[in-house]
Amino acid sequence: MPDPSEAMTIHVTLPPGSTGSPPHRHTGPAFGYVIEGELRFELEGEPQRIVRAGETFWEPGCEVIHYQDGNNLDDATTRFVVTMFGVPNQPMLVPVTAEELEQRRSRRAPRC
């Protein structure tokens, strides 16, 4: 946890088939809860998984890349809330460049 830190809670609505945010990282940990639908969730070093309504997810933040947070459903909306902690006066979501994705490709879990 960054010290000092600040927190932000947001409500996210993903339309059917949405890919969500591009690969990114956070400056601190994030904790979320899926309200409706199914979230396709993938962190660096872990296999992709599906988080369903009523389930939670978290990520440690800092250097770990968050690859996916898209809607797993093509015919329904997915909604979730997430509380993110981060460094004051820095963005909560920091996009990852294509060059860095290539450099860290070996850290991504195998894909089916």
Protein backbone atom coordinates (compact mmCIF):
# COMPACT_ATOMS: atom_id res chain seq x y z
CA MET A 1 0.00 0.00 0.00
CA PRO A 2 1.47 3.36 -0.96
CA ASP A 3 2.19 5.72 1.91
CA PRO A 4 0.64 8.22 1.69
CA SER A 5 -2.28 6.89 -0.35
CA GLU A 6 -5.72 7.88 -1.53
CA ALA A 7 -8.74 5.75 -2.41
CA MET A 8 -11.33 5.89 -5.16
CA THR A 9 -14.44 3.73 -5.58
CA ILE A 10 -16.08 3.57 -9.00
CA HIS A 11 -19.05 1.79 -10.54
CA VAL A 12 -18.26 0.34 -13.99
CA THR A 13 -20.84 -0.74 -16.57
CA LEU A 14 -19.60 -2.79 -19.53
CA PRO A 15 -21.94 -3.26 -22.49
CA PRO A 16 -22.26 -6.72 -24.07
CA GLY A 17 -18.96 -7.86 -25.58
CA SER A 18 -16.93 -4.93 -24.22
CA THR A 19 -13.19 -5.56 -23.95
CA GLY A 20 -12.95 -3.17 -20.98
CA SER A 21 -9.82 -1.18 -20.24
CA PRO A 22 -6.61 -1.71 -22.23
CA PRO A 23 -3.71 -3.40 -20.38
CA HIS A 24 -2.78 -1.20 -17.42
CA ARG A 25 -1.50 -1.12 -13.86
CA HIS A 26 -2.48 0.70 -10.69
CA THR A 27 -0.16 2.48 -8.23
CA GLY A 28 -1.71 0.49 -5.38
CA PRO A 29 -4.06 -2.42 -4.72
CA ALA A 30 -7.61 -2.68 -6.06
CA PHE A 31 -10.57 -4.66 -4.71
CA GLY A 32 -13.77 -5.32 -6.64
CA TYR A 33 -17.18 -6.97 -6.57
CA VAL A 34 -19.20 -8.06 -9.62
CA ILE A 35 -22.81 -6.88 -9.26
CA GLU A 36 -24.21 -8.27 -12.52
CA GLY A 37 -22.92 -10.41 -15.38
CA GLU A 38 -19.46 -11.93 -15.86
CA LEU A 39 -16.07 -10.23 -15.86
CA ARG A 40 -13.14 -11.65 -17.87
CA PHE A 41 -10.22 -10.96 -15.53
CA GLU A 42 -6.50 -11.50 -16.11
CA LEU A 43 -3.47 -10.38 -14.12
CA GLU A 44 0.18 -10.83 -15.03
CA GLY A 45 1.37 -14.35 -14.19
CA GLU A 46 -2.13 -15.73 -13.61
CA PRO A 47 -4.47 -17.48 -16.05
CA GLN A 48 -7.53 -15.64 -17.29
CA ARG A 49 -10.56 -16.36 -15.13
CA ILE A 50 -14.23 -15.49 -15.12
CA VAL A 51 -15.59 -13.57 -12.12
CA ARG A 52 -19.37 -13.93 -11.89
CA ALA A 53 -22.04 -11.81 -10.19
CA GLY A 54 -21.67 -12.08 -6.42
CA GLU A 55 -17.93 -12.86 -6.61
CA THR A 56 -14.95 -10.66 -5.78
CA PHE A 57 -11.55 -9.93 -7.32
CA TRP A 58 -8.43 -8.09 -6.25
CA GLU A 59 -5.05 -7.16 -7.56
CA PRO A 60 -1.88 -6.05 -5.79
CA GLY A 61 -1.19 -3.07 -8.04
CA CYS A 62 2.25 -1.49 -8.52
CA GLU A 63 4.25 -3.41 -11.15
CA VAL A 64 1.68 -6.13 -11.91
CA ILE A 65 -0.04 -5.65 -15.28
CA HIS A 66 -3.82 -6.00 -15.41
CA TYR A 67 -4.37 -7.45 -18.90
CA GLN A 68 -8.14 -7.92 -19.05
CA ASP A 69 -11.29 -6.67 -17.36
CA GLY A 70 -13.81 -7.18 -20.15
CA ASN A 71 -17.41 -8.33 -20.27
CA ASN A 72 -17.44 -12.10 -20.79
CA LEU A 73 -21.02 -11.95 -22.12
CA ASP A 74 -22.02 -11.02 -25.67
CA ASP A 75 -25.70 -10.67 -24.81
CA ALA A 76 -25.82 -8.94 -21.42
CA THR A 77 -24.36 -6.04 -19.46
CA THR A 78 -21.73 -6.59 -16.76
CA ARG A 79 -21.49 -4.21 -13.81
CA PHE A 80 -18.95 -4.10 -11.01
CA VAL A 81 -17.65 -1.79 -8.30
CA VAL A 82 -13.96 -1.43 -7.55
CA THR A 83 -12.08 0.43 -4.85
CA MET A 84 -8.56 1.40 -5.87
CA PHE A 85 -5.80 2.71 -3.65
CA GLY A 86 -3.02 4.74 -5.17
CA VAL A 87 -0.37 7.40 -4.88
CA PRO A 88 -1.85 10.90 -4.42
CA ASN A 89 -1.74 13.14 -7.50
CA GLN A 90 -1.05 10.20 -9.85
CA PRO A 91 -3.58 8.49 -12.13
CA MET A 92 -5.33 5.43 -10.66
CA LEU A 93 -5.05 3.63 -14.02
CA VAL A 94 -1.77 3.76 -15.95
CA PRO A 95 -1.84 2.30 -19.50
CA VAL A 96 0.98 -0.06 -20.47
CA THR A 97 2.84 0.61 -23.72
CA ALA A 98 3.07 -1.92 -26.54
CA GLU A 99 6.86 -2.06 -26.01
CA GLU A 100 6.48 -2.99 -22.35
CA LEU A 101 3.85 -5.62 -23.17
CA GLU A 102 6.33 -7.21 -25.58
CA GLN A 103 9.19 -7.06 -23.05
CA ARG A 104 7.06 -8.77 -20.38
CA ARG A 105 5.33 -11.27 -22.67
CA SER A 106 6.97 -14.22 -20.84
CA ARG A 107 5.20 -13.18 -17.62
CA ARG A 108 1.74 -13.66 -19.12
CA ALA A 109 0.04 -16.98 -18.37
CA PRO A 110 -0.46 -19.35 -21.35
CA ARG A 111 -3.66 -18.74 -23.29
CA CYS A 112 -6.13 -21.41 -24.41
